[in-house]
Amino acid sequence: MHARSPKRFFTAAEYLAMERVADRKHEFYQGEMYAMAGGSPAHDQIAGRLITKLNVALEGRRCAVFTSDQRVRVGDSGLYTYPDVSVACGARFDEQGDTLLNPALVVEVLSEATEAYDRGKKFELYRTLPSLGDYVLASQTEPKLEHFARQPDGSWRLLVLGPGDRLHAGSLDCELAVDDVYRGVFDAGAS
């Protein structure tokens, strides 16, 4: 029997130094690095349509819409992650200029492998961001958006939105039609 090697833990500085030259993206939490998996065609279509619709809705404003290539530091929680979509108005970055610090809206497209984490621990950590006003979970199996909106008292309200509904992102003062986000995603051969 072979003895297991002790698990290697990294500092945030070590993680960032490695991540900035890595070929693959990694999430980082409490000293551990986790390789990020690729998404399905439906996942990519939904994220792409959200990015497109948000860019159109926010045109002419001081807001930036980011893809899953944008790393986000979740405050002092120790989490560095790559949301499927993030938006910041008056974006602030770390000293290297490559890690977003103040997203106002974050979207995660759900998958079997990440759904429990996205709904649980990850959302718990995201809620510590003072800048975050809207957190959206997008189903990739049906046209459904779960919109968590921060209330003036700091609590979060959940709205489950489906066909015919509109998501109002209060932190951005913009709206998206659920039908526009999912148009064509479930058509034969589209996903």
N, C-alpha and C. Protein backbone atom coordinates (compact mmCIF):
# COMPACT_ATOMS: atom_id res chain seq x y z
N MET A 1 0.84 -1.17 0.00
CA MET A 1 0.00 0.00 0.00
C MET A 1 0.88 1.24 0.00
N HIS A 2 0.49 2.21 -0.84
CA HIS A 2 1.27 3.45 -0.96
C HIS A 2 0.61 4.54 -0.13
N ALA A 3 1.42 5.32 0.49
CA ALA A 3 0.90 6.47 1.26
C ALA A 3 0.48 7.56 0.29
N ARG A 4 -0.62 8.19 0.57
CA ARG A 4 -1.08 9.31 -0.25
C ARG A 4 -0.23 10.53 0.02
N SER A 5 0.02 11.27 -1.04
CA SER A 5 0.72 12.54 -0.88
C SER A 5 -0.24 13.54 -0.26
N PRO A 6 0.27 14.38 0.61
CA PRO A 6 -0.62 15.40 1.19
C PRO A 6 -1.10 16.35 0.09
N LYS A 7 -2.32 16.81 0.25
CA LYS A 7 -2.92 17.74 -0.71
C LYS A 7 -2.13 19.04 -0.69
N ARG A 8 -1.87 19.60 -1.87
CA ARG A 8 -1.15 20.86 -1.97
C ARG A 8 -2.14 22.02 -1.95
N PHE A 9 -1.91 22.96 -1.08
CA PHE A 9 -2.72 24.16 -1.01
C PHE A 9 -1.90 25.34 -1.52
N PHE A 10 -2.58 26.26 -2.15
CA PHE A 10 -1.94 27.42 -2.76
C PHE A 10 -2.45 28.70 -2.11
N THR A 11 -1.63 29.72 -2.14
CA THR A 11 -2.10 31.05 -1.75
C THR A 11 -2.80 31.66 -2.95
N ALA A 12 -3.56 32.70 -2.72
CA ALA A 12 -4.23 33.39 -3.83
C ALA A 12 -3.18 33.94 -4.81
N ALA A 13 -2.07 34.44 -4.30
CA ALA A 13 -1.01 34.97 -5.17
C ALA A 13 -0.41 33.86 -6.04
N GLU A 14 -0.19 32.68 -5.46
CA GLU A 14 0.32 31.54 -6.24
C GLU A 14 -0.68 31.13 -7.32
N TYR A 15 -1.93 31.05 -6.93
CA TYR A 15 -2.98 30.70 -7.90
C TYR A 15 -2.99 31.69 -9.06
N LEU A 16 -3.03 32.98 -8.75
CA LEU A 16 -3.10 33.99 -9.81
C LEU A 16 -1.88 33.94 -10.72
N ALA A 17 -0.70 33.72 -10.16
CA ALA A 17 0.51 33.63 -10.99
C ALA A 17 0.41 32.45 -11.95
N MET A 18 -0.07 31.31 -11.48
CA MET A 18 -0.22 30.13 -12.35
C MET A 18 -1.35 30.34 -13.35
N GLU A 19 -2.46 30.90 -12.89
CA GLU A 19 -3.64 31.06 -13.75
C GLU A 19 -3.37 32.02 -14.90
N ARG A 20 -2.57 33.01 -14.67
CA ARG A 20 -2.30 34.01 -15.71
C ARG A 20 -1.49 33.45 -16.87
N VAL A 21 -0.86 32.29 -16.70
CA VAL A 21 -0.10 31.67 -17.79
C VAL A 21 -0.66 30.29 -18.16
N ALA A 22 -1.74 29.87 -17.54
CA ALA A 22 -2.30 28.52 -17.77
C ALA A 22 -3.04 28.44 -19.09
N ASP A 23 -3.06 27.23 -19.66
CA ASP A 23 -3.81 26.95 -20.88
C ASP A 23 -5.29 26.73 -20.59
N ARG A 24 -5.62 26.30 -19.38
CA ARG A 24 -7.00 26.03 -18.97
C ARG A 24 -7.35 26.91 -17.79
N LYS A 25 -8.64 27.20 -17.65
CA LYS A 25 -9.11 28.01 -16.53
C LYS A 25 -9.33 27.12 -15.31
N HIS A 26 -9.08 27.72 -14.14
CA HIS A 26 -9.30 27.02 -12.87
C HIS A 26 -10.03 27.94 -11.90
N GLU A 27 -10.99 27.39 -11.20
CA GLU A 27 -11.61 28.10 -10.10
C GLU A 27 -10.71 27.88 -8.89
N PHE A 28 -10.73 28.82 -7.96
CA PHE A 28 -9.89 28.73 -6.78
C PHE A 28 -10.73 29.04 -5.55
N TYR A 29 -10.61 28.17 -4.55
CA TYR A 29 -11.33 28.42 -3.29
C TYR A 29 -10.60 27.74 -2.14
N GLN A 30 -10.35 28.50 -1.09
CA GLN A 30 -9.73 28.01 0.13
C GLN A 30 -8.45 27.21 -0.14
N GLY A 31 -7.61 27.75 -1.00
CA GLY A 31 -6.32 27.16 -1.26
C GLY A 31 -6.29 26.06 -2.30
N GLU A 32 -7.45 25.68 -2.85
CA GLU A 32 -7.49 24.60 -3.84
C GLU A 32 -7.90 25.12 -5.20
N MET A 33 -7.34 24.50 -6.24
CA MET A 33 -7.65 24.85 -7.62
C MET A 33 -8.50 23.73 -8.24
N TYR A 34 -9.51 24.15 -9.00
CA TYR A 34 -10.42 23.20 -9.65
C TYR A 34 -10.50 23.53 -11.13
N ALA A 35 -10.16 22.55 -11.99
CA ALA A 35 -10.22 22.76 -13.43
C ALA A 35 -11.66 23.00 -13.86
N MET A 36 -11.86 23.94 -14.76
CA MET A 36 -13.19 24.25 -15.28
C MET A 36 -13.46 23.38 -16.51
N ALA A 37 -14.63 22.77 -16.54
CA ALA A 37 -15.01 21.92 -17.66
C ALA A 37 -15.68 22.77 -18.74
N GLY A 38 -15.68 22.25 -19.97
CA GLY A 38 -16.38 22.92 -21.07
C GLY A 38 -17.87 22.73 -20.95
N GLY A 39 -18.62 23.48 -21.72
CA GLY A 39 -20.08 23.42 -21.67
C GLY A 39 -20.65 22.73 -22.89
N SER A 40 -21.93 22.41 -22.81
CA SER A 40 -22.64 21.78 -23.93
C SER A 40 -23.01 22.85 -24.96
N PRO A 41 -23.45 22.44 -26.16
CA PRO A 41 -23.91 23.42 -27.14
C PRO A 41 -25.05 24.30 -26.59
N ALA A 42 -26.01 23.69 -25.87
CA ALA A 42 -27.11 24.48 -25.31
C ALA A 42 -26.57 25.50 -24.31
N HIS A 43 -25.63 25.09 -23.48
CA HIS A 43 -24.99 25.98 -22.51
C HIS A 43 -24.38 27.18 -23.22
N ASP A 44 -23.63 26.92 -24.28
CA ASP A 44 -22.97 27.99 -25.02
C ASP A 44 -23.98 28.91 -25.69
N GLN A 45 -25.04 28.35 -26.26
CA GLN A 45 -26.05 29.17 -26.91
C GLN A 45 -26.75 30.09 -25.92
N ILE A 46 -27.12 29.57 -24.78
CA ILE A 46 -27.82 30.36 -23.77
C ILE A 46 -26.91 31.49 -23.27
N ALA A 47 -25.69 31.16 -22.93
CA ALA A 47 -24.75 32.18 -22.46
C ALA A 47 -24.50 33.22 -23.56
N GLY A 48 -24.34 32.78 -24.77
CA GLY A 48 -24.12 33.70 -25.89
C GLY A 48 -25.29 34.63 -26.12
N ARG A 49 -26.49 34.10 -26.05
CA ARG A 49 -27.68 34.94 -26.25
C ARG A 49 -27.83 35.93 -25.10
N LEU A 50 -27.55 35.50 -23.88
CA LEU A 50 -27.59 36.43 -22.74
C LEU A 50 -26.59 37.56 -22.92
N ILE A 51 -25.40 37.24 -23.35
CA ILE A 51 -24.36 38.25 -23.57
C ILE A 51 -24.82 39.23 -24.65
N THR A 52 -25.34 38.70 -25.75
CA THR A 52 -25.82 39.56 -26.84
C THR A 52 -26.94 40.47 -26.39
N LYS A 53 -27.94 39.90 -25.73
CA LYS A 53 -29.10 40.69 -25.30
C LYS A 53 -28.71 41.73 -24.25
N LEU A 54 -27.80 41.39 -23.35
CA LEU A 54 -27.35 42.35 -22.35
C LEU A 54 -26.56 43.49 -23.00
N ASN A 55 -25.70 43.16 -23.97
CA ASN A 55 -24.96 44.21 -24.67
C ASN A 55 -25.90 45.19 -25.36
N VAL A 56 -26.93 44.67 -26.01
CA VAL A 56 -27.91 45.54 -26.68
C VAL A 56 -28.66 46.39 -25.65
N ALA A 57 -29.12 45.77 -24.57
CA ALA A 57 -29.89 46.49 -23.55
C ALA A 57 -29.07 47.58 -22.87
N LEU A 58 -27.76 47.39 -22.77
CA LEU A 58 -26.92 48.33 -22.04
C LEU A 58 -26.11 49.26 -22.94
N GLU A 59 -26.38 49.21 -24.23
CA GLU A 59 -25.64 50.04 -25.17
C GLU A 59 -25.73 51.52 -24.79
N GLY A 60 -24.58 52.19 -24.85
CA GLY A 60 -24.52 53.61 -24.54
C GLY A 60 -24.36 53.90 -23.06
N ARG A 61 -24.32 52.86 -22.25
CA ARG A 61 -24.14 53.06 -20.81
C ARG A 61 -22.74 52.63 -20.41
N ARG A 62 -22.32 53.02 -19.23
CA ARG A 62 -20.98 52.71 -18.73
C ARG A 62 -20.92 51.32 -18.11
N CYS A 63 -21.51 50.34 -18.81
CA CYS A 63 -21.57 48.98 -18.30
C CYS A 63 -20.84 48.06 -19.28
N ALA A 64 -20.16 47.07 -18.74
CA ALA A 64 -19.44 46.10 -19.56
C ALA A 64 -20.00 44.70 -19.29
N VAL A 65 -20.24 43.96 -20.37
CA VAL A 65 -20.73 42.59 -20.29
C VAL A 65 -19.55 41.67 -20.58
N PHE A 66 -19.35 40.69 -19.70
CA PHE A 66 -18.19 39.81 -19.80
C PHE A 66 -18.62 38.36 -20.03
N THR A 67 -17.79 37.64 -20.77
CA THR A 67 -18.00 36.21 -21.03
C THR A 67 -17.38 35.39 -19.90
N SER A 68 -17.43 34.08 -20.06
CA SER A 68 -16.86 33.17 -19.06
C SER A 68 -15.33 33.20 -19.04
N ASP A 69 -14.72 34.01 -19.88
CA ASP A 69 -13.27 34.16 -19.82
C ASP A 69 -12.84 35.19 -18.79
N GLN A 70 -13.80 35.93 -18.23
CA GLN A 70 -13.47 36.96 -17.24
C GLN A 70 -13.48 36.40 -15.83
N ARG A 71 -12.32 36.43 -15.19
CA ARG A 71 -12.19 35.97 -13.80
C ARG A 71 -12.79 37.02 -12.88
N VAL A 72 -13.48 36.55 -11.83
CA VAL A 72 -14.08 37.41 -10.82
C VAL A 72 -13.55 37.01 -9.45
N ARG A 73 -13.12 37.99 -8.68
CA ARG A 73 -12.77 37.73 -7.27
C ARG A 73 -13.99 38.06 -6.44
N VAL A 74 -14.42 37.08 -5.66
CA VAL A 74 -15.62 37.24 -4.85
C VAL A 74 -15.22 37.76 -3.48
N GLY A 75 -14.91 39.06 -3.45
CA GLY A 75 -14.57 39.75 -2.21
C GLY A 75 -13.50 39.04 -1.41
N ASP A 76 -13.70 38.99 -0.10
CA ASP A 76 -12.74 38.37 0.80
C ASP A 76 -13.05 36.90 1.06
N SER A 77 -13.98 36.32 0.29
CA SER A 77 -14.38 34.93 0.51
C SER A 77 -13.30 33.92 0.14
N GLY A 78 -12.33 34.35 -0.67
CA GLY A 78 -11.30 33.44 -1.14
C GLY A 78 -11.65 32.76 -2.45
N LEU A 79 -12.81 33.07 -3.02
CA LEU A 79 -13.24 32.47 -4.28
C LEU A 79 -12.83 33.33 -5.46
N TYR A 80 -12.17 32.70 -6.42
CA TYR A 80 -11.92 33.26 -7.74
C TYR A 80 -12.64 32.34 -8.70
N THR A 81 -13.48 32.89 -9.56
CA THR A 81 -14.29 32.05 -10.42
C THR A 81 -14.53 32.72 -11.77
N TYR A 82 -15.11 31.98 -12.68
CA TYR A 82 -15.40 32.45 -14.03
C TYR A 82 -16.89 32.27 -14.30
N PRO A 83 -17.73 33.24 -13.93
CA PRO A 83 -19.16 33.09 -14.19
C PRO A 83 -19.41 32.98 -15.69
N ASP A 84 -20.52 32.37 -16.07
CA ASP A 84 -20.85 32.26 -17.49
C ASP A 84 -21.06 33.63 -18.10
N VAL A 85 -21.67 34.53 -17.36
CA VAL A 85 -21.87 35.92 -17.78
C VAL A 85 -21.75 36.80 -16.54
N SER A 86 -21.08 37.93 -16.68
CA SER A 86 -21.06 38.91 -15.60
C SER A 86 -21.14 40.30 -16.22
N VAL A 87 -21.71 41.23 -15.45
CA VAL A 87 -21.85 42.61 -15.91
C VAL A 87 -21.43 43.52 -14.77
N ALA A 88 -20.66 44.55 -15.13
CA ALA A 88 -20.28 45.57 -14.15
C ALA A 88 -20.45 46.94 -14.78
N CYS A 89 -21.00 47.85 -14.04
CA CYS A 89 -21.12 49.23 -14.47
C CYS A 89 -20.06 50.01 -13.69
N GLY A 90 -19.14 50.64 -14.43
CA GLY A 90 -17.98 51.24 -13.76
C GLY A 90 -17.08 50.14 -13.24
N ALA A 91 -16.73 49.21 -14.12
CA ALA A 91 -15.95 48.02 -13.73
C ALA A 91 -14.65 48.41 -13.03
N ARG A 92 -14.38 47.67 -11.94
CA ARG A 92 -13.11 47.81 -11.21
C ARG A 92 -12.39 46.47 -11.29
N PHE A 93 -11.07 46.55 -11.46
CA PHE A 93 -10.25 45.35 -11.59
C PHE A 93 -9.13 45.37 -10.56
N ASP A 94 -8.50 44.20 -10.36
CA ASP A 94 -7.36 44.13 -9.44
C ASP A 94 -6.18 44.89 -10.04
N GLU A 95 -5.08 44.92 -9.30
CA GLU A 95 -3.90 45.69 -9.73
C GLU A 95 -3.30 45.22 -11.05
N GLN A 96 -3.54 43.96 -11.43
CA GLN A 96 -3.05 43.44 -12.72
C GLN A 96 -4.02 43.77 -13.86
N GLY A 97 -5.22 44.21 -13.51
CA GLY A 97 -6.21 44.59 -14.51
C GLY A 97 -6.90 43.42 -15.19
N ASP A 98 -6.85 42.22 -14.57
CA ASP A 98 -7.46 41.06 -15.24
C ASP A 98 -8.46 40.29 -14.38
N THR A 99 -8.75 40.78 -13.19
CA THR A 99 -9.71 40.13 -12.30
C THR A 99 -10.77 41.14 -11.89
N LEU A 100 -12.02 40.90 -12.29
CA LEU A 100 -13.12 41.80 -11.99
C LEU A 100 -13.46 41.73 -10.51
N LEU A 101 -13.68 42.90 -9.91
CA LEU A 101 -13.95 42.97 -8.47
C LEU A 101 -15.40 43.33 -8.13
N ASN A 102 -16.15 43.89 -9.07
CA ASN A 102 -17.45 44.45 -8.70
C ASN A 102 -18.59 44.11 -9.68
N PRO A 103 -18.85 42.84 -9.93
CA PRO A 103 -19.99 42.55 -10.80
C PRO A 103 -21.31 42.97 -10.16
N ALA A 104 -22.21 43.52 -10.98
CA ALA A 104 -23.55 43.87 -10.51
C ALA A 104 -24.52 42.74 -10.80
N LEU A 105 -24.27 42.02 -11.88
CA LEU A 105 -25.10 40.88 -12.27
C LEU A 105 -24.20 39.71 -12.62
N VAL A 106 -24.58 38.52 -12.17
CA VAL A 106 -23.85 37.29 -12.50
C VAL A 106 -24.89 36.27 -12.97
N VAL A 107 -24.54 35.56 -14.05
CA VAL A 107 -25.38 34.48 -14.56
C VAL A 107 -24.57 33.20 -14.58
N GLU A 108 -25.16 32.13 -14.06
CA GLU A 108 -24.60 30.80 -14.19
C GLU A 108 -25.61 29.95 -14.96
N VAL A 109 -25.15 29.31 -16.05
CA VAL A 109 -25.98 28.38 -16.79
C VAL A 109 -25.82 27.04 -16.11
N LEU A 110 -26.92 26.48 -15.66
CA LEU A 110 -26.88 25.26 -14.85
C LEU A 110 -26.51 24.04 -15.67
N SER A 111 -25.76 23.14 -15.04
CA SER A 111 -25.48 21.82 -15.60
C SER A 111 -25.62 20.82 -14.46
N GLU A 112 -25.77 19.56 -14.81
CA GLU A 112 -25.90 18.53 -13.77
C GLU A 112 -24.74 18.56 -12.80
N ALA A 113 -23.52 18.76 -13.35
CA ALA A 113 -22.32 18.69 -12.53
C ALA A 113 -22.18 19.87 -11.56
N THR A 114 -22.75 21.05 -11.92
CA THR A 114 -22.51 22.23 -11.10
C THR A 114 -23.76 22.80 -10.43
N GLU A 115 -24.94 22.27 -10.72
CA GLU A 115 -26.17 22.88 -10.24
C GLU A 115 -26.23 23.04 -8.72
N ALA A 116 -25.90 22.00 -7.99
CA ALA A 116 -25.98 22.08 -6.53
C ALA A 116 -25.01 23.15 -5.99
N TYR A 117 -23.83 23.22 -6.54
CA TYR A 117 -22.84 24.21 -6.14
C TYR A 117 -23.30 25.63 -6.50
N ASP A 118 -23.82 25.81 -7.74
CA ASP A 118 -24.28 27.13 -8.18
C ASP A 118 -25.43 27.64 -7.31
N ARG A 119 -26.31 26.73 -6.89
CA ARG A 119 -27.45 27.12 -6.05
C ARG A 119 -27.06 27.30 -4.58
N GLY A 120 -26.04 26.58 -4.16
CA GLY A 120 -25.67 26.54 -2.75
C GLY A 120 -24.48 27.41 -2.40
N LYS A 121 -23.34 26.77 -2.23
CA LYS A 121 -22.15 27.45 -1.72
C LYS A 121 -21.73 28.63 -2.59
N LYS A 122 -21.78 28.47 -3.91
CA LYS A 122 -21.35 29.55 -4.79
C LYS A 122 -22.25 30.78 -4.61
N PHE A 123 -23.57 30.56 -4.56
CA PHE A 123 -24.48 31.69 -4.36
C PHE A 123 -24.27 32.31 -2.98
N GLU A 124 -24.01 31.49 -1.98
CA GLU A 124 -23.70 32.01 -0.64
C GLU A 124 -22.51 32.95 -0.69
N LEU A 125 -21.47 32.56 -1.42
CA LEU A 125 -20.27 33.40 -1.53
C LEU A 125 -20.55 34.64 -2.37
N TYR A 126 -21.25 34.50 -3.49
CA TYR A 126 -21.59 35.66 -4.31
C TYR A 126 -22.36 36.71 -3.50
N ARG A 127 -23.24 36.27 -2.62
CA ARG A 127 -24.04 37.21 -1.84
C ARG A 127 -23.20 38.12 -0.95
N THR A 128 -21.93 37.78 -0.71
CA THR A 128 -21.07 38.63 0.11
C THR A 128 -20.56 39.84 -0.68
N LEU A 129 -20.75 39.85 -1.99
CA LEU A 129 -20.31 40.98 -2.82
C LEU A 129 -21.29 42.15 -2.68
N PRO A 130 -20.87 43.27 -2.13
CA PRO A 130 -21.78 44.41 -2.01
C PRO A 130 -22.28 44.91 -3.36
N SER A 131 -21.49 44.73 -4.43
CA SER A 131 -21.86 45.22 -5.76
C SER A 131 -22.94 44.38 -6.42
N LEU A 132 -23.10 43.13 -6.00
CA LEU A 132 -24.01 42.21 -6.68
C LEU A 132 -25.46 42.50 -6.32
N GLY A 133 -26.27 42.78 -7.33
CA GLY A 133 -27.69 43.02 -7.12
C GLY A 133 -28.58 41.97 -7.75
N ASP A 134 -28.03 41.24 -8.75
CA ASP A 134 -28.83 40.25 -9.48
C ASP A 134 -28.00 39.00 -9.74
N TYR A 135 -28.57 37.85 -9.39
CA TYR A 135 -27.94 36.55 -9.64
C TYR A 135 -28.97 35.71 -10.40
N VAL A 136 -28.56 35.20 -11.55
CA VAL A 136 -29.49 34.49 -12.42
C VAL A 136 -28.96 33.08 -12.69
N LEU A 137 -29.84 32.10 -12.49
CA LEU A 137 -29.54 30.72 -12.85
C LEU A 137 -30.37 30.40 -14.08
N ALA A 138 -29.70 29.99 -15.15
CA ALA A 138 -30.36 29.71 -16.42
C ALA A 138 -30.37 28.21 -16.67
N SER A 139 -31.56 27.65 -16.84
CA SER A 139 -31.69 26.22 -17.14
C SER A 139 -31.21 25.98 -18.57
N GLN A 140 -30.59 24.83 -18.81
CA GLN A 140 -30.27 24.48 -20.18
C GLN A 140 -31.12 23.30 -20.67
N THR A 141 -32.16 22.97 -19.89
CA THR A 141 -33.06 21.89 -20.30
C THR A 141 -34.47 22.39 -20.62
N GLU A 142 -34.78 23.64 -20.23
CA GLU A 142 -36.08 24.23 -20.51
C GLU A 142 -35.92 25.75 -20.47
N PRO A 143 -36.83 26.51 -21.10
CA PRO A 143 -36.72 27.97 -21.05
C PRO A 143 -37.14 28.50 -19.68
N LYS A 144 -36.16 28.60 -18.78
CA LYS A 144 -36.43 29.02 -17.42
C LYS A 144 -35.23 29.77 -16.84
N LEU A 145 -35.50 30.95 -16.29
CA LEU A 145 -34.50 31.73 -15.58
C LEU A 145 -34.96 31.89 -14.14
N GLU A 146 -34.06 31.61 -13.21
CA GLU A 146 -34.34 31.85 -11.80
C GLU A 146 -33.55 33.10 -11.42
N HIS A 147 -34.28 34.15 -11.09
CA HIS A 147 -33.67 35.45 -10.83
C HIS A 147 -33.72 35.77 -9.34
N PHE A 148 -32.57 35.84 -8.73
CA PHE A 148 -32.45 36.26 -7.34
C PHE A 148 -32.07 37.74 -7.34
N ALA A 149 -32.91 38.58 -6.75
CA ALA A 149 -32.68 40.03 -6.74
C ALA A 149 -32.49 40.50 -5.30
N ARG A 150 -31.41 41.24 -5.08
CA ARG A 150 -31.15 41.80 -3.75
C ARG A 150 -32.17 42.89 -3.47
N GLN A 151 -32.75 42.84 -2.29
CA GLN A 151 -33.75 43.81 -1.86
C GLN A 151 -33.09 44.93 -1.05
N PRO A 152 -33.76 46.07 -0.90
CA PRO A 152 -33.16 47.18 -0.15
C PRO A 152 -32.70 46.80 1.26
N ASP A 153 -33.36 45.82 1.88
CA ASP A 153 -32.97 45.42 3.24
C ASP A 153 -31.86 44.37 3.25
N GLY A 154 -31.32 44.02 2.06
CA GLY A 154 -30.24 43.05 1.96
C GLY A 154 -30.69 41.62 1.74
N SER A 155 -31.99 41.36 1.88
CA SER A 155 -32.50 40.01 1.61
C SER A 155 -32.56 39.78 0.10
N TRP A 156 -32.82 38.54 -0.29
CA TRP A 156 -32.89 38.19 -1.71
C TRP A 156 -34.27 37.65 -2.03
N ARG A 157 -34.83 38.10 -3.16
CA ARG A 157 -36.14 37.63 -3.62
C ARG A 157 -35.93 36.79 -4.88
N LEU A 158 -36.61 35.64 -4.92
CA LEU A 158 -36.52 34.75 -6.08
C LEU A 158 -37.76 34.91 -6.95
N LEU A 159 -37.52 35.10 -8.25
CA LEU A 159 -38.57 35.06 -9.26
C LEU A 159 -38.20 33.97 -10.26
N VAL A 160 -39.11 33.05 -10.51
CA VAL A 160 -38.89 32.01 -11.51
C VAL A 160 -39.62 32.46 -12.77
N LEU A 161 -38.88 32.59 -13.85
CA LEU A 161 -39.40 33.16 -15.09
C LEU A 161 -39.36 32.13 -16.21
N GLY A 162 -40.42 32.11 -16.99
CA GLY A 162 -40.51 31.18 -18.12
C GLY A 162 -40.97 31.88 -19.38
N PRO A 163 -41.44 31.12 -20.37
CA PRO A 163 -41.88 31.70 -21.63
C PRO A 163 -42.89 32.83 -21.40
N GLY A 164 -42.70 33.93 -22.13
CA GLY A 164 -43.57 35.08 -22.01
C GLY A 164 -43.19 36.05 -20.92
N ASP A 165 -42.29 35.65 -20.01
CA ASP A 165 -41.87 36.52 -18.89
C ASP A 165 -40.68 37.38 -19.29
N ARG A 166 -40.47 38.43 -18.51
CA ARG A 166 -39.33 39.32 -18.69
C ARG A 166 -38.56 39.41 -17.38
N LEU A 167 -37.26 39.34 -17.47
CA LEU A 167 -36.38 39.50 -16.32
C LEU A 167 -36.03 40.98 -16.22
N HIS A 168 -36.29 41.59 -15.08
CA HIS A 168 -35.88 42.97 -14.84
C HIS A 168 -34.69 42.95 -13.89
N ALA A 169 -33.52 43.29 -14.42
CA ALA A 169 -32.30 43.36 -13.60
C ALA A 169 -32.23 44.75 -12.98
N GLY A 170 -32.63 44.84 -11.72
CA GLY A 170 -32.70 46.12 -11.04
C GLY A 170 -31.35 46.81 -10.90
N SER A 171 -30.28 46.04 -10.71
CA SER A 171 -28.96 46.64 -10.53
C SER A 171 -28.47 47.29 -11.82
N LEU A 172 -29.04 46.89 -12.96
CA LEU A 172 -28.64 47.45 -14.25
C LEU A 172 -29.73 48.29 -14.88
N ASP A 173 -30.92 48.25 -14.29
CA ASP A 173 -32.09 48.93 -14.85
C ASP A 173 -32.29 48.55 -16.32
N CYS A 174 -32.37 47.24 -16.56
CA CYS A 174 -32.63 46.75 -17.91
C CYS A 174 -33.49 45.50 -17.83
N GLU A 175 -34.10 45.16 -18.96
CA GLU A 175 -34.97 43.98 -19.04
C GLU A 175 -34.54 43.07 -20.16
N LEU A 176 -34.79 41.78 -19.96
CA LEU A 176 -34.55 40.75 -20.98
C LEU A 176 -35.78 39.87 -21.06
N ALA A 177 -36.19 39.53 -22.27
CA ALA A 177 -37.30 38.61 -22.46
C ALA A 177 -36.76 37.18 -22.43
N VAL A 178 -37.38 36.33 -21.63
CA VAL A 178 -36.96 34.93 -21.55
C VAL A 178 -37.02 34.30 -22.95
N ASP A 179 -38.04 34.61 -23.72
CA ASP A 179 -38.18 34.06 -25.07
C ASP A 179 -36.98 34.42 -25.95
N ASP A 180 -36.45 35.64 -25.80
CA ASP A 180 -35.29 36.05 -26.59
C ASP A 180 -34.04 35.27 -26.19
N VAL A 181 -33.91 34.99 -24.90
CA VAL A 181 -32.73 34.25 -24.42
C VAL A 181 -32.73 32.83 -24.97
N TYR A 182 -33.89 32.21 -25.07
CA TYR A 182 -33.95 30.79 -25.44
C TYR A 182 -34.35 30.55 -26.90
N ARG A 183 -34.59 31.61 -27.67
CA ARG A 183 -35.03 31.44 -29.06
C ARG A 183 -34.06 30.54 -29.84
N GLY A 184 -34.57 29.44 -30.35
CA GLY A 184 -33.80 28.52 -31.19
C GLY A 184 -32.96 27.50 -30.44
N VAL A 185 -32.82 27.64 -29.14
CA VAL A 185 -31.94 26.75 -28.39
C VAL A 185 -32.42 25.31 -28.43
N PHE A 186 -33.72 25.09 -28.35
CA PHE A 186 -34.23 23.74 -28.28
C PHE A 186 -34.80 23.23 -29.60
N ASP A 187 -34.58 24.00 -30.67
CA ASP A 187 -35.01 23.54 -31.99
C ASP A 187 -34.18 22.34 -32.41
N ALA A 188 -34.76 21.46 -33.19
CA ALA A 188 -34.03 20.25 -33.67
C ALA A 188 -32.73 20.68 -34.34
N GLY A 189 -31.65 20.08 -33.90
CA GLY A 189 -30.34 20.33 -34.49
C GLY A 189 -29.65 21.58 -33.95
N ALA A 190 -30.32 22.38 -33.13
CA ALA A 190 -29.71 23.60 -32.63
C ALA A 190 -28.84 23.34 -31.41
N SER A 191 -29.12 22.26 -30.68
CA SER A 191 -28.32 22.03 -29.48
C SER A 191 -27.82 20.66 -29.40
